[in-house]
PDB file of all heavy atoms in Angstrom:
ATOM      1  N   SER A   1      43.109 -31.315  37.295  1.00  0.00           N
ATOM      2  CA  SER A   1      43.574 -32.349  36.380  1.00  0.00           C
ATOM      3  C   SER A   1      44.606 -31.764  35.419  1.00  0.00           C
ATOM      4  O   SER A   1      44.603 -30.555  35.145  1.00  0.00           O
ATOM      5  CB  SER A   1      42.388 -32.923  35.595  1.00  0.00           C
ATOM      6  OG  SER A   1      42.839 -33.730  34.516  1.00  0.00           O
ATOM      7  N   MET A   2      45.482 -32.619  34.899  1.00  0.00           N
ATOM      8  CA  MET A   2      46.486 -32.142  33.959  1.00  0.00           C
ATOM      9  C   MET A   2      45.952 -32.009  32.533  1.00  0.00           C
ATOM     10  O   MET A   2      46.569 -31.368  31.694  1.00  0.00           O
ATOM     11  CB  MET A   2      47.703 -33.077  33.956  1.00  0.00           C
ATOM     12  CG  MET A   2      47.467 -34.429  33.321  1.00  0.00           C
ATOM     13  SD  MET A   2      49.004 -35.353  33.043  1.00  0.00           S
ATOM     14  CE  MET A   2      49.511 -35.667  34.725  1.00  0.00           C
ATOM     15  N   THR A   3      44.797 -32.603  32.249  1.00  0.00           N
ATOM     16  CA  THR A   3      44.324 -32.670  30.859  1.00  0.00           C
ATOM     17  C   THR A   3      43.815 -31.354  30.271  1.00  0.00           C
ATOM     18  O   THR A   3      44.019 -31.121  29.074  1.00  0.00           O
ATOM     19  CB  THR A   3      43.235 -33.747  30.719  1.00  0.00           C
ATOM     20  OG1 THR A   3      42.211 -33.526  31.697  1.00  0.00           O
ATOM     21  CG2 THR A   3      43.817 -35.130  30.919  1.00  0.00           C
ATOM     22  N   PRO A   4      43.112 -30.463  31.019  1.00  0.00           N
ATOM     23  CA  PRO A   4      42.597 -29.234  30.379  1.00  0.00           C
ATOM     24  C   PRO A   4      43.660 -28.412  29.673  1.00  0.00           C
ATOM     25  O   PRO A   4      43.442 -27.930  28.553  1.00  0.00           O
ATOM     26  CB  PRO A   4      41.973 -28.471  31.555  1.00  0.00           C
ATOM     27  CG  PRO A   4      41.568 -29.529  32.515  1.00  0.00           C
ATOM     28  CD  PRO A   4      42.649 -30.565  32.418  1.00  0.00           C
ATOM     29  N   ALA A   5      44.828 -28.244  30.311  1.00  0.00           N
ATOM     30  CA  ALA A   5      45.896 -27.447  29.695  1.00  0.00           C
ATOM     31  C   ALA A   5      46.454 -28.146  28.456  1.00  0.00           C
ATOM     32  O   ALA A   5      46.807 -27.486  27.469  1.00  0.00           O
ATOM     33  CB  ALA A   5      47.009 -27.201  30.703  1.00  0.00           C
ATOM     34  N   LEU A   6      46.530 -29.486  28.497  1.00  0.00           N
ATOM     35  CA  LEU A   6      47.011 -30.233  27.332  1.00  0.00           C
ATOM     36  C   LEU A   6      46.029 -30.111  26.171  1.00  0.00           C
ATOM     37  O   LEU A   6      46.432 -29.980  25.013  1.00  0.00           O
ATOM     38  CB  LEU A   6      47.221 -31.706  27.705  1.00  0.00           C
ATOM     39  CG  LEU A   6      48.220 -31.987  28.840  1.00  0.00           C
ATOM     40  CD1 LEU A   6      48.324 -33.485  29.086  1.00  0.00           C
ATOM     41  CD2 LEU A   6      49.591 -31.403  28.519  1.00  0.00           C
ATOM     42  N   ILE A   7      44.726 -30.156  26.494  1.00  0.00           N
ATOM     43  CA  ILE A   7      43.699 -30.009  25.453  1.00  0.00           C
ATOM     44  C   ILE A   7      43.751 -28.604  24.861  1.00  0.00           C
ATOM     45  O   ILE A   7      43.667 -28.420  23.644  1.00  0.00           O
ATOM     46  CB  ILE A   7      42.299 -30.296  26.037  1.00  0.00           C
ATOM     47  CG1 ILE A   7      42.188 -31.761  26.467  1.00  0.00           C
ATOM     48  CG2 ILE A   7      41.210 -29.962  25.016  1.00  0.00           C
ATOM     49  CD1 ILE A   7      40.928 -32.086  27.233  1.00  0.00           C
ATOM     50  N   GLU A   8      43.897 -27.607  25.730  1.00  0.00           N
ATOM     51  CA  GLU A   8      43.914 -26.210  25.291  1.00  0.00           C
ATOM     52  C   GLU A   8      45.071 -25.932  24.338  1.00  0.00           C
ATOM     53  O   GLU A   8      44.949 -25.121  23.412  1.00  0.00           O
ATOM     54  CB  GLU A   8      44.013 -25.290  26.508  1.00  0.00           C
ATOM     55  CG  GLU A   8      43.945 -23.811  26.170  1.00  0.00           C
ATOM     56  CD  GLU A   8      44.126 -22.932  27.396  1.00  0.00           C
ATOM     57  OE1 GLU A   8      44.159 -23.471  28.521  1.00  0.00           O
ATOM     58  OE2 GLU A   8      44.237 -21.705  27.220  1.00  0.00           O
ATOM     59  N   SER A   9      46.205 -26.590  24.524  1.00  0.00           N
ATOM     60  CA  SER A   9      47.367 -26.348  23.663  1.00  0.00           C
ATOM     61  C   SER A   9      47.105 -26.760  22.220  1.00  0.00           C
ATOM     62  O   SER A   9      47.651 -26.159  21.288  1.00  0.00           O
ATOM     63  CB  SER A   9      48.583 -27.102  24.198  1.00  0.00           C
ATOM     64  OG  SER A   9      48.426 -28.505  24.019  1.00  0.00           O
ATOM     65  N   GLY A  10      46.268 -27.782  22.029  1.00  0.00           N
ATOM     66  CA  GLY A  10      45.965 -28.256  20.685  1.00  0.00           C
ATOM     67  C   GLY A  10      47.003 -29.198  20.110  1.00  0.00           C
ATOM     68  O   GLY A  10      46.867 -29.652  18.978  1.00  0.00           O
ATOM     69  N   TYR A  11      48.046 -29.514  20.876  1.00  0.00           N
ATOM     70  CA  TYR A  11      49.122 -30.376  20.381  1.00  0.00           C
ATOM     71  C   TYR A  11      48.990 -31.826  20.862  1.00  0.00           C
ATOM     72  O   TYR A  11      49.713 -32.689  20.386  1.00  0.00           O
ATOM     73  CB  TYR A  11      50.482 -29.823  20.818  1.00  0.00           C
ATOM     74  CG  TYR A  11      50.751 -28.428  20.313  1.00  0.00           C
ATOM     75  CD1 TYR A  11      51.116 -27.397  21.186  1.00  0.00           C
ATOM     76  CD2 TYR A  11      50.626 -28.123  18.960  1.00  0.00           C
ATOM     77  CE1 TYR A  11      51.353 -26.118  20.720  1.00  0.00           C
ATOM     78  CE2 TYR A  11      50.851 -26.838  18.493  1.00  0.00           C
ATOM     79  CZ  TYR A  11      51.215 -25.849  19.379  1.00  0.00           C
ATOM     80  OH  TYR A  11      51.436 -24.573  18.919  1.00  0.00           O
ATOM     81  N   PHE A  12      48.090 -32.059  21.793  1.00  0.00           N
ATOM     82  CA  PHE A  12      47.884 -33.410  22.309  1.00  0.00           C
ATOM     83  C   PHE A  12      46.560 -33.953  21.765  1.00  0.00           C
ATOM     84  O   PHE A  12      45.510 -33.338  21.987  1.00  0.00           O
ATOM     85  CB  PHE A  12      47.875 -33.414  23.837  1.00  0.00           C
ATOM     86  CG  PHE A  12      49.215 -33.170  24.460  1.00  0.00           C
ATOM     87  CD1 PHE A  12      49.749 -31.888  24.517  1.00  0.00           C
ATOM     88  CD2 PHE A  12      49.960 -34.223  24.978  1.00  0.00           C
ATOM     89  CE1 PHE A  12      50.992 -31.660  25.088  1.00  0.00           C
ATOM     90  CE2 PHE A  12      51.202 -34.005  25.549  1.00  0.00           C
ATOM     91  CZ  PHE A  12      51.718 -32.727  25.599  1.00  0.00           C
ATOM     92  N   PRO A  13      46.599 -35.077  21.045  1.00  0.00           N
ATOM     93  CA  PRO A  13      45.384 -35.635  20.443  1.00  0.00           C
ATOM     94  C   PRO A  13      44.311 -35.942  21.491  1.00  0.00           C
ATOM     95  O   PRO A  13      44.616 -36.188  22.661  1.00  0.00           O
ATOM     96  CB  PRO A  13      45.880 -36.923  19.773  1.00  0.00           C
ATOM     97  CG  PRO A  13      47.338 -36.711  19.567  1.00  0.00           C
ATOM     98  CD  PRO A  13      47.793 -35.856  20.707  1.00  0.00           C
ATOM     99  N   THR A  14      43.067 -35.935  21.044  1.00  0.00           N
ATOM    100  CA  THR A  14      41.938 -36.186  21.937  1.00  0.00           C
ATOM    101  C   THR A  14      42.049 -37.548  22.615  1.00  0.00           C
ATOM    102  O   THR A  14      41.742 -37.696  23.802  1.00  0.00           O
ATOM    103  CB  THR A  14      40.623 -36.105  21.154  1.00  0.00           C
ATOM    104  OG1 THR A  14      40.549 -34.839  20.499  1.00  0.00           O
ATOM    105  CG2 THR A  14      39.427 -36.247  22.077  1.00  0.00           C
ATOM    106  N   MET A  15      42.490 -38.553  21.862  1.00  0.00           N
ATOM    107  CA  MET A  15      42.619 -39.895  22.427  1.00  0.00           C
ATOM    108  C   MET A  15      43.608 -39.899  23.591  1.00  0.00           C
ATOM    109  O   MET A  15      43.365 -40.537  24.626  1.00  0.00           O
ATOM    110  CB  MET A  15      43.086 -40.879  21.359  1.00  0.00           C
ATOM    111  CG  MET A  15      43.196 -42.319  21.855  1.00  0.00           C
ATOM    112  SD  MET A  15      44.290 -43.332  20.848  1.00  0.00           S
ATOM    113  CE  MET A  15      45.899 -42.716  21.340  1.00  0.00           C
ATOM    114  N   VAL A  16      44.711 -39.173  23.442  1.00  0.00           N
ATOM    115  CA  VAL A  16      45.741 -39.127  24.489  1.00  0.00           C
ATOM    116  C   VAL A  16      45.197 -38.463  25.749  1.00  0.00           C
ATOM    117  O   VAL A  16      45.334 -38.996  26.858  1.00  0.00           O
ATOM    118  CB  VAL A  16      46.988 -38.380  23.978  1.00  0.00           C
ATOM    119  CG1 VAL A  16      47.989 -38.168  25.109  1.00  0.00           C
ATOM    120  CG2 VAL A  16      47.642 -39.158  22.842  1.00  0.00           C
ATOM    121  N   THR A  17      44.583 -37.299  25.593  1.00  0.00           N
ATOM    122  CA  THR A  17      44.057 -36.585  26.765  1.00  0.00           C
ATOM    123  C   THR A  17      42.929 -37.381  27.425  1.00  0.00           C
ATOM    124  O   THR A  17      42.796 -37.365  28.657  1.00  0.00           O
ATOM    125  CB  THR A  17      43.549 -35.192  26.363  1.00  0.00           C
ATOM    126  OG1 THR A  17      42.599 -35.311  25.290  1.00  0.00           O
ATOM    127  CG2 THR A  17      44.712 -34.314  25.893  1.00  0.00           C
ATOM    128  N   HIS A  18      42.114 -38.072  26.625  1.00  0.00           N
ATOM    129  CA  HIS A  18      41.029 -38.886  27.177  1.00  0.00           C
ATOM    130  C   HIS A  18      41.594 -40.042  28.017  1.00  0.00           C
ATOM    131  O   HIS A  18      41.109 -40.311  29.125  1.00  0.00           O
ATOM    132  CB  HIS A  18      40.161 -39.436  26.050  1.00  0.00           C
ATOM    133  CG  HIS A  18      38.999 -40.250  26.521  1.00  0.00           C
ATOM    134  ND1 HIS A  18      37.953 -39.709  27.251  1.00  0.00           N
ATOM    135  CD2 HIS A  18      38.712 -41.573  26.377  1.00  0.00           C
ATOM    136  CE1 HIS A  18      37.074 -40.652  27.531  1.00  0.00           C
ATOM    137  NE2 HIS A  18      37.513 -41.796  27.021  1.00  0.00           N
ATOM    138  N   MET A  19      42.638 -40.701  27.508  1.00  0.00           N
ATOM    139  CA  MET A  19      43.240 -41.812  28.250  1.00  0.00           C
ATOM    140  C   MET A  19      43.952 -41.316  29.501  1.00  0.00           C
ATOM    141  O   MET A  19      43.944 -41.991  30.535  1.00  0.00           O
ATOM    142  CB  MET A  19      44.208 -42.574  27.342  1.00  0.00           C
ATOM    143  CG  MET A  19      43.525 -43.339  26.223  1.00  0.00           C
ATOM    144  SD  MET A  19      44.685 -44.310  25.214  1.00  0.00           S
ATOM    145  CE  MET A  19      45.159 -45.603  26.378  1.00  0.00           C
ATOM    146  N   ILE A  20      44.575 -40.139  29.430  1.00  0.00           N
ATOM    147  CA  ILE A  20      45.220 -39.572  30.620  1.00  0.00           C
ATOM    148  C   ILE A  20      44.175 -39.272  31.690  1.00  0.00           C
ATOM    149  O   ILE A  20      44.377 -39.559  32.883  1.00  0.00           O
ATOM    150  CB  ILE A  20      46.014 -38.303  30.257  1.00  0.00           C
ATOM    151  CG1 ILE A  20      47.246 -38.662  29.416  1.00  0.00           C
ATOM    152  CG2 ILE A  20      46.458 -37.560  31.522  1.00  0.00           C
ATOM    153  CD1 ILE A  20      48.012 -37.455  28.912  1.00  0.00           C
ATOM    154  N   ARG A  21      43.031 -38.710  31.269  1.00  0.00           N
ATOM    155  CA  ARG A  21      41.965 -38.416  32.229  1.00  0.00           C
ATOM    156  C   ARG A  21      41.454 -39.704  32.877  1.00  0.00           C
ATOM    157  O   ARG A  21      41.217 -39.750  34.096  1.00  0.00           O
ATOM    158  CB  ARG A  21      40.811 -37.696  31.536  1.00  0.00           C
ATOM    159  CG  ARG A  21      39.686 -37.315  32.497  1.00  0.00           C
ATOM    160  CD  ARG A  21      38.530 -36.630  31.815  1.00  0.00           C
ATOM    161  NE  ARG A  21      38.842 -35.237  31.519  1.00  0.00           N
ATOM    162  CZ  ARG A  21      38.973 -34.757  30.291  1.00  0.00           C
ATOM    163  NH1 ARG A  21      38.825 -35.557  29.247  1.00  0.00           N
ATOM    164  NH2 ARG A  21      39.231 -33.484  30.096  1.00  0.00           N
ATOM    165  N   LEU A  22      41.297 -40.751  32.075  1.00  0.00           N
ATOM    166  CA  LEU A  22      40.860 -42.044  32.620  1.00  0.00           C
ATOM    167  C   LEU A  22      41.891 -42.594  33.605  1.00  0.00           C
ATOM    168  O   LEU A  22      41.532 -43.158  34.646  1.00  0.00           O
ATOM    169  CB  LEU A  22      40.643 -43.050  31.484  1.00  0.00           C
ATOM    170  CG  LEU A  22      39.421 -42.823  30.583  1.00  0.00           C
ATOM    171  CD1 LEU A  22      39.394 -43.844  29.454  1.00  0.00           C
ATOM    172  CD2 LEU A  22      38.132 -42.920  31.404  1.00  0.00           C
ATOM    173  N   GLY A  23      43.173 -42.418  33.282  1.00  0.00           N
ATOM    174  CA  GLY A  23      44.233 -42.868  34.171  1.00  0.00           C
ATOM    175  C   GLY A  23      44.222 -42.124  35.492  1.00  0.00           C
ATOM    176  O   GLY A  23      44.436 -42.710  36.555  1.00  0.00           O
ATOM    177  N   GLU A  24      43.963 -40.797  35.441  1.00  0.00           N
ATOM    178  CA  GLU A  24      43.883 -40.002  36.668  1.00  0.00           C
ATOM    179  C   GLU A  24      42.710 -40.454  37.534  1.00  0.00           C
ATOM    180  O   GLU A  24      42.828 -40.563  38.759  1.00  0.00           O
ATOM    181  CB  GLU A  24      43.733 -38.518  36.314  1.00  0.00           C
ATOM    182  CG  GLU A  24      44.995 -37.875  35.748  1.00  0.00           C
ATOM    183  CD  GLU A  24      44.776 -36.425  35.360  1.00  0.00           C
ATOM    184  OE1 GLU A  24      43.695 -36.108  34.823  1.00  0.00           O
ATOM    185  OE2 GLU A  24      45.686 -35.608  35.582  1.00  0.00           O
ATOM    186  N   GLN A  25      41.570 -40.708  36.881  1.00  0.00           N
ATOM    187  CA  GLN A  25      40.365 -41.083  37.627  1.00  0.00           C
ATOM    188  C   GLN A  25      40.458 -42.482  38.223  1.00  0.00           C
ATOM    189  O   GLN A  25      39.918 -42.747  39.303  1.00  0.00           O
ATOM    190  CB  GLN A  25      39.138 -40.985  36.705  1.00  0.00           C
ATOM    191  CG  GLN A  25      38.810 -39.558  36.272  1.00  0.00           C
ATOM    192  CD  GLN A  25      37.733 -39.505  35.210  1.00  0.00           C
ATOM    193  OE1 GLN A  25      37.301 -40.538  34.693  1.00  0.00           O
ATOM    194  NE2 GLN A  25      37.277 -38.291  34.884  1.00  0.00           N
ATOM    195  N   SER A  26      41.147 -43.382  37.509  1.00  0.00           N
ATOM    196  CA  SER A  26      41.242 -44.767  37.973  1.00  0.00           C
ATOM    197  C   SER A  26      42.459 -45.019  38.866  1.00  0.00           C
ATOM    198  O   SER A  26      42.603 -46.097  39.438  1.00  0.00           O
ATOM    199  CB  SER A  26      41.298 -45.714  36.768  1.00  0.00           C
ATOM    200  OG  SER A  26      42.460 -45.469  35.994  1.00  0.00           O
ATOM    201  N   GLY A  27      43.352 -44.026  38.959  1.00  0.00           N
ATOM    202  CA  GLY A  27      44.550 -44.198  39.766  1.00  0.00           C
ATOM    203  C   GLY A  27      45.616 -45.045  39.098  1.00  0.00           C
ATOM    204  O   GLY A  27      46.532 -45.533  39.756  1.00  0.00           O
ATOM    205  N   GLU A  28      45.511 -45.238  37.793  1.00  0.00           N
ATOM    206  CA  GLU A  28      46.486 -46.035  37.041  1.00  0.00           C
ATOM    207  C   GLU A  28      47.113 -45.199  35.922  1.00  0.00           C
ATOM    208  O   GLU A  28      47.228 -45.631  34.779  1.00  0.00           O
ATOM    209  CB  GLU A  28      45.812 -47.282  36.459  1.00  0.00           C
ATOM    210  CG  GLU A  28      45.257 -48.222  37.526  1.00  0.00           C
ATOM    211  CD  GLU A  28      44.613 -49.450  36.921  1.00  0.00           C
ATOM    212  OE1 GLU A  28      44.557 -49.529  35.678  1.00  0.00           O
ATOM    213  OE2 GLU A  28      44.176 -50.327  37.678  1.00  0.00           O
ATOM    214  N   LEU A  29      47.498 -43.998  36.297  1.00  0.00           N
ATOM    215  CA  LEU A  29      48.019 -43.056  35.296  1.00  0.00           C
ATOM    216  C   LEU A  29      49.286 -43.569  34.633  1.00  0.00           C
ATOM    217  O   LEU A  29      49.439 -43.478  33.410  1.00  0.00           O
ATOM    218  CB  LEU A  29      48.282 -41.695  35.956  1.00  0.00           C
ATOM    219  CG  LEU A  29      48.811 -40.581  35.039  1.00  0.00           C
ATOM    220  CD1 LEU A  29      47.868 -40.317  33.884  1.00  0.00           C
ATOM    221  CD2 LEU A  29      49.047 -39.298  35.843  1.00  0.00           C
ATOM    222  N   GLU A  30      50.227 -44.126  35.428  1.00  0.00           N
ATOM    223  CA  GLU A  30      51.498 -44.565  34.844  1.00  0.00           C
ATOM    224  C   GLU A  30      51.313 -45.687  33.828  1.00  0.00           C
ATOM    225  O   GLU A  30      51.957 -45.686  32.773  1.00  0.00           O
ATOM    226  CB  GLU A  30      52.486 -44.989  35.934  1.00  0.00           C
ATOM    227  CG  GLU A  30      52.002 -46.073  36.868  1.00  0.00           C
ATOM    228  CD  GLU A  30      51.380 -45.506  38.134  1.00  0.00           C
ATOM    229  OE1 GLU A  30      50.803 -44.411  38.071  1.00  0.00           O
ATOM    230  OE2 GLU A  30      51.488 -46.181  39.172  1.00  0.00           O
ATOM    231  N   SER A  31      50.418 -46.640  34.114  1.00  0.00           N
ATOM    232  CA  SER A  31      50.189 -47.745  33.172  1.00  0.00           C
ATOM    233  C   SER A  31      49.487 -47.247  31.918  1.00  0.00           C
ATOM    234  O   SER A  31      49.782 -47.704  30.807  1.00  0.00           O
ATOM    235  CB  SER A  31      49.363 -48.854  33.833  1.00  0.00           C
ATOM    236  OG  SER A  31      48.111 -48.357  34.272  1.00  0.00           O
ATOM    237  N   MET A  32      48.576 -46.278  32.063  1.00  0.00           N
ATOM    238  CA  MET A  32      47.887 -45.706  30.910  1.00  0.00           C
ATOM    239  C   MET A  32      48.875 -44.936  30.030  1.00  0.00           C
ATOM    240  O   MET A  32      48.832 -45.022  28.795  1.00  0.00           O
ATOM    241  CB  MET A  32      46.764 -44.785  31.380  1.00  0.00           C
ATOM    242  CG  MET A  32      45.735 -44.461  30.306  1.00  0.00           C
ATOM    243  SD  MET A  32      44.743 -45.892  29.851  1.00  0.00           S
ATOM    244  CE  MET A  32      43.649 -46.002  31.261  1.00  0.00           C
ATOM    245  N   LEU A  33      49.776 -44.196  30.660  1.00  0.00           N
ATOM    246  CA  LEU A  33      50.799 -43.456  29.906  1.00  0.00           C
ATOM    247  C   LEU A  33      51.733 -44.411  29.169  1.00  0.00           C
ATOM    248  O   LEU A  33      52.171 -44.129  28.049  1.00  0.00           O
ATOM    249  CB  LEU A  33      51.602 -42.564  30.856  1.00  0.00           C
ATOM    250  CG  LEU A  33      50.884 -41.332  31.413  1.00  0.00           C
ATOM    251  CD1 LEU A  33      51.675 -40.718  32.554  1.00  0.00           C
ATOM    252  CD2 LEU A  33      50.642 -40.306  30.316  1.00  0.00           C
ATOM    253  N   ALA A  34      52.047 -45.545  29.796  1.00  0.00           N
ATOM    254  CA  ALA A  34      52.918 -46.538  29.161  1.00  0.00           C
ATOM    255  C   ALA A  34      52.259 -47.115  27.912  1.00  0.00           C
ATOM    256  O   ALA A  34      52.922 -47.343  26.888  1.00  0.00           O
ATOM    257  CB  ALA A  34      53.240 -47.663  30.151  1.00  0.00           C
ATOM    258  N   ILE A  35      50.947 -47.338  27.966  1.00  0.00           N
ATOM    259  CA  ILE A  35      50.211 -47.860  26.798  1.00  0.00           C
ATOM    260  C   ILE A  35      50.244 -46.845  25.662  1.00  0.00           C
ATOM    261  O   ILE A  35      50.503 -47.192  24.505  1.00  0.00           O
ATOM    262  CB  ILE A  35      48.754 -48.189  27.195  1.00  0.00           C
ATOM    263  CG1 ILE A  35      48.714 -49.362  28.175  1.00  0.00           C
ATOM    264  CG2 ILE A  35      47.921 -48.507  25.951  1.00  0.00           C
ATOM    265  CD1 ILE A  35      47.350 -49.608  28.775  1.00  0.00           C
ATOM    266  N   ILE A  36      49.996 -45.577  25.998  1.00  0.00           N
ATOM    267  CA  ILE A  36      50.027 -44.519  24.974  1.00  0.00           C
ATOM    268  C   ILE A  36      51.411 -44.431  24.345  1.00  0.00           C
ATOM    269  O   ILE A  36      51.557 -44.337  23.123  1.00  0.00           O
ATOM    270  CB  ILE A  36      49.647 -43.157  25.587  1.00  0.00           C
ATOM    271  CG1 ILE A  36      48.240 -43.202  26.172  1.00  0.00           C
ATOM    272  CG2 ILE A  36      49.726 -42.053  24.521  1.00  0.00           C
ATOM    273  CD1 ILE A  36      47.881 -41.962  26.984  1.00  0.00           C
ATOM    274  N   ALA A  37      52.455 -44.460  25.188  1.00  0.00           N
ATOM    275  CA  ALA A  37      53.833 -44.342  24.690  1.00  0.00           C
ATOM    276  C   ALA A  37      54.171 -45.485  23.749  1.00  0.00           C
ATOM    277  O   ALA A  37      54.815 -45.275  22.705  1.00  0.00           O
ATOM    278  CB  ALA A  37      54.805 -44.320  25.868  1.00  0.00           C
ATOM    279  N   GLU A  38      53.760 -46.703  24.070  1.00  0.00           N
ATOM    280  CA  GLU A  38      54.050 -47.863  23.225  1.00  0.00           C
ATOM    281  C   GLU A  38      53.336 -47.749  21.880  1.00  0.00           C
ATOM    282  O   GLU A  38      53.912 -48.035  20.826  1.00  0.00           O
ATOM    283  CB  GLU A  38      53.613 -49.147  23.947  1.00  0.00           C
ATOM    284  CG  GLU A  38      54.088 -50.423  23.272  1.00  0.00           C
ATOM    285  CD  GLU A  38      55.602 -50.554  23.255  1.00  0.00           C
ATOM    286  OE1 GLU A  38      56.255 -50.037  24.178  1.00  0.00           O
ATOM    287  OE2 GLU A  38      56.118 -51.181  22.303  1.00  0.00           O
ATOM    288  N   ASN A  39      52.060 -47.303  21.914  1.00  0.00           N
ATOM    289  CA  ASN A  39      51.311 -47.124  20.663  1.00  0.00           C
ATOM    290  C   ASN A  39      51.953 -46.064  19.775  1.00  0.00           C
ATOM    291  O   ASN A  39      52.056 -46.230  18.556  1.00  0.00           O
ATOM    292  CB  ASN A  39      49.859 -46.743  20.968  1.00  0.00           C
ATOM    293  CG  ASN A  39      49.073 -47.888  21.575  1.00  0.00           C
ATOM    294  OD1 ASN A  39      49.420 -49.056  21.382  1.00  0.00           O
ATOM    295  ND2 ASN A  39      48.021 -47.576  22.311  1.00  0.00           N
ATOM    296  N   TYR A  40      52.391 -44.966  20.404  1.00  0.00           N
ATOM    297  CA  TYR A  40      52.994 -43.885  19.630  1.00  0.00           C
ATOM    298  C   TYR A  40      54.364 -44.279  19.089  1.00  0.00           C
ATOM    299  O   TYR A  40      54.759 -43.823  18.006  1.00  0.00           O
ATOM    300  CB  TYR A  40      53.095 -42.615  20.494  1.00  0.00           C
ATOM    301  CG  TYR A  40      51.921 -41.699  20.287  1.00  0.00           C
ATOM    302  CD1 TYR A  40      50.665 -42.035  20.782  1.00  0.00           C
ATOM    303  CD2 TYR A  40      52.041 -40.520  19.577  1.00  0.00           C
ATOM    304  CE1 TYR A  40      49.574 -41.211  20.582  1.00  0.00           C
ATOM    305  CE2 TYR A  40      50.957 -39.679  19.371  1.00  0.00           C
ATOM    306  CZ  TYR A  40      49.722 -40.038  19.881  1.00  0.00           C
ATOM    307  OH  TYR A  40      48.646 -39.229  19.663  1.00  0.00           O
ATOM    308  N   LYS A  41      55.069 -45.116  19.810  1.00  0.00           N
ATOM    309  CA  LYS A  41      56.359 -45.605  19.334  1.00  0.00           C
ATOM    310  C   LYS A  41      56.191 -46.366  18.027  1.00  0.00           C
ATOM    311  O   LYS A  41      56.922 -46.131  17.050  1.00  0.00           O
ATOM    312  CB  LYS A  41      56.989 -46.513  20.391  1.00  0.00           C
ATOM    313  CG  LYS A  41      58.315 -47.127  19.977  1.00  0.00           C
ATOM    314  CD  LYS A  41      58.828 -48.077  21.049  1.00  0.00           C
ATOM    315  CE  LYS A  41      60.084 -48.801  20.591  1.00  0.00           C
ATOM    316  NZ  LYS A  41      60.560 -49.772  21.605  1.00  0.00           N
ATOM    317  N   ASP A  42      55.217 -47.265  17.977  1.00  0.00           N
ATOM    318  CA  ASP A  42      54.961 -48.036  16.758  1.00  0.00           C
ATOM    319  C   ASP A  42      54.482 -47.132  15.632  1.00  0.00           C
ATOM    320  O   ASP A  42      54.881 -47.292  14.470  1.00  0.00           O
ATOM    321  CB  ASP A  42      53.919 -49.128  17.026  1.00  0.00           C
ATOM    322  CG  ASP A  42      54.406 -50.159  18.034  1.00  0.00           C
ATOM    323  OD1 ASP A  42      55.637 -50.299  18.173  1.00  0.00           O
ATOM    324  OD2 ASP A  42      53.567 -50.808  18.688  1.00  0.00           O
TER     325      ASP A  42
END
């Protein structure tokens, strides 16, 4: 998974890595990333 290295860096919030992991497991990673990006934009 891509999340362990992101968590280890300490620069990616827990909510972000948790949603990325959910996206990987559900096969909807791109849509999950789009939601995170929109929230962070605001």
